[in-house]
Amino acid sequence: MANPINLNKARKAAAKTADKTLAQQNRVRFGQAKADKAAIRLEAERLSEKLNQSKRET
């Protein structure tokens, strides 16, 4: 027979895991220098422009 689990503990553990994941993403996202952010933004704009140039017009 399986052991019963406490649903409150399971819910809180899942929430804690989700919070840790979000915190890690925020550390990567907001923990960059201003120059790094600018370089990433310029690269994204360059790629977007390249994609727009290669689209077919209908």
C-alpha atoms as a PDB file:
ATOM      1  CA  MET A   1       0.000   0.000   0.000  1.00  0.00           C
ATOM      2  CA  ALA A   2       1.315   3.455  -0.900  1.00  0.00           C
ATOM      3  CA  ASN A   3       2.081   5.965   1.773  1.00  0.00           C
ATOM      4  CA  PRO A   4      -0.237   8.987   1.872  1.00  0.00           C
ATOM      5  CA  ILE A   5       1.296  12.337   0.998  1.00  0.00           C
ATOM      6  CA  ASN A   6       0.567  15.741   2.409  1.00  0.00           C
ATOM      7  CA  LEU A   7      -0.863  17.747  -0.499  1.00  0.00           C
ATOM      8  CA  ASN A   8       0.019  21.065   1.140  1.00  0.00           C
ATOM      9  CA  LYS A   9       3.685  20.066   1.298  1.00  0.00           C
ATOM     10  CA  ALA A  10       3.609  18.842  -2.308  1.00  0.00           C
ATOM     11  CA  ARG A  11       1.993  22.096  -3.492  1.00  0.00           C
ATOM     12  CA  LYS A  12       4.481  24.229  -1.563  1.00  0.00           C
ATOM     13  CA  ALA A  13       7.424  22.198  -2.893  1.00  0.00           C
ATOM     14  CA  ALA A  14       6.205  22.683  -6.470  1.00  0.00           C
ATOM     15  CA  ALA A  15       5.779  26.419  -5.886  1.00  0.00           C
ATOM     16  CA  LYS A  16       9.268  26.639  -4.399  1.00  0.00           C
ATOM     17  CA  THR A  17      10.741  24.911  -7.448  1.00  0.00           C
ATOM     18  CA  ALA A  18       8.916  27.285  -9.783  1.00  0.00           C
ATOM     19  CA  ASP A  19      10.125  30.293  -7.783  1.00  0.00           C
ATOM     20  CA  LYS A  20      13.724  29.079  -7.925  1.00  0.00           C
ATOM     21  CA  THR A  21      13.465  28.656 -11.698  1.00  0.00           C
ATOM     22  CA  LEU A  22      12.058  32.160 -12.102  1.00  0.00           C
ATOM     23  CA  ALA A  23      14.780  33.597  -9.855  1.00  0.00           C
ATOM     24  CA  GLN A  24      17.475  31.931 -11.954  1.00  0.00           C
ATOM     25  CA  GLN A  25      15.967  33.372 -15.148  1.00  0.00           C
ATOM     26  CA  ASN A  26      15.817  36.831 -13.586  1.00  0.00           C
ATOM     27  CA  ARG A  27      19.457  36.615 -12.475  1.00  0.00           C
ATOM     28  CA  VAL A  28      20.459  35.894 -16.057  1.00  0.00           C
ATOM     29  CA  ARG A  29      18.122  38.498 -17.507  1.00  0.00           C
ATOM     30  CA  PHE A  30      18.747  41.432 -15.184  1.00  0.00           C
ATOM     31  CA  GLY A  31      22.268  40.667 -14.005  1.00  0.00           C
ATOM     32  CA  GLN A  32      23.922  41.924 -17.185  1.00  0.00           C
ATOM     33  CA  ALA A  33      25.986  45.025 -17.745  1.00  0.00           C
ATOM     34  CA  LYS A  34      24.495  47.835 -19.782  1.00  0.00           C
ATOM     35  CA  ALA A  35      26.918  47.220 -22.661  1.00  0.00           C
ATOM     36  CA  ASP A  36      25.991  43.538 -22.750  1.00  0.00           C
ATOM     37  CA  LYS A  37      22.288  44.395 -22.893  1.00  0.00           C
ATOM     38  CA  ALA A  38      22.914  46.822 -25.740  1.00  0.00           C
ATOM     39  CA  ALA A  39      24.932  44.232 -27.678  1.00  0.00           C
ATOM     40  CA  ILE A  40      22.197  41.621 -27.264  1.00  0.00           C
ATOM     41  CA  ARG A  41      19.531  44.123 -28.344  1.00  0.00           C
ATOM     42  CA  LEU A  42      21.528  45.126 -31.439  1.00  0.00           C
ATOM     43  CA  GLU A  43      22.080  41.484 -32.368  1.00  0.00           C
ATOM     44  CA  ALA A  44      18.351  40.768 -32.039  1.00  0.00           C
ATOM     45  CA  GLU A  45      17.507  43.798 -34.187  1.00  0.00           C
ATOM     46  CA  ARG A  46      20.047  42.712 -36.814  1.00  0.00           C
ATOM     47  CA  LEU A  47      18.597  39.203 -36.955  1.00  0.00           C
ATOM     48  CA  SER A  48      15.061  40.556 -37.140  1.00  0.00           C
ATOM     49  CA  GLU A  49      16.001  42.869 -40.008  1.00  0.00           C
ATOM     50  CA  LYS A  50      17.726  40.027 -41.849  1.00  0.00           C
ATOM     51  CA  LEU A  51      14.613  37.884 -41.452  1.00  0.00           C
ATOM     52  CA  ASN A  52      12.375  40.681 -42.733  1.00  0.00           C
ATOM     53  CA  GLN A  53      14.597  41.158 -45.776  1.00  0.00           C
ATOM     54  CA  SER A  54      14.381  37.493 -46.718  1.00  0.00           C
ATOM     55  CA  LYS A  55      10.577  37.314 -46.575  1.00  0.00           C
ATOM     56  CA  ARG A  56       8.654  36.946 -49.787  1.00  0.00           C
ATOM     57  CA  GLU A  57       6.136  39.547 -50.714  1.00  0.00           C
ATOM     58  CA  THR A  58       2.778  38.291 -51.932  1.00  0.00           C
END
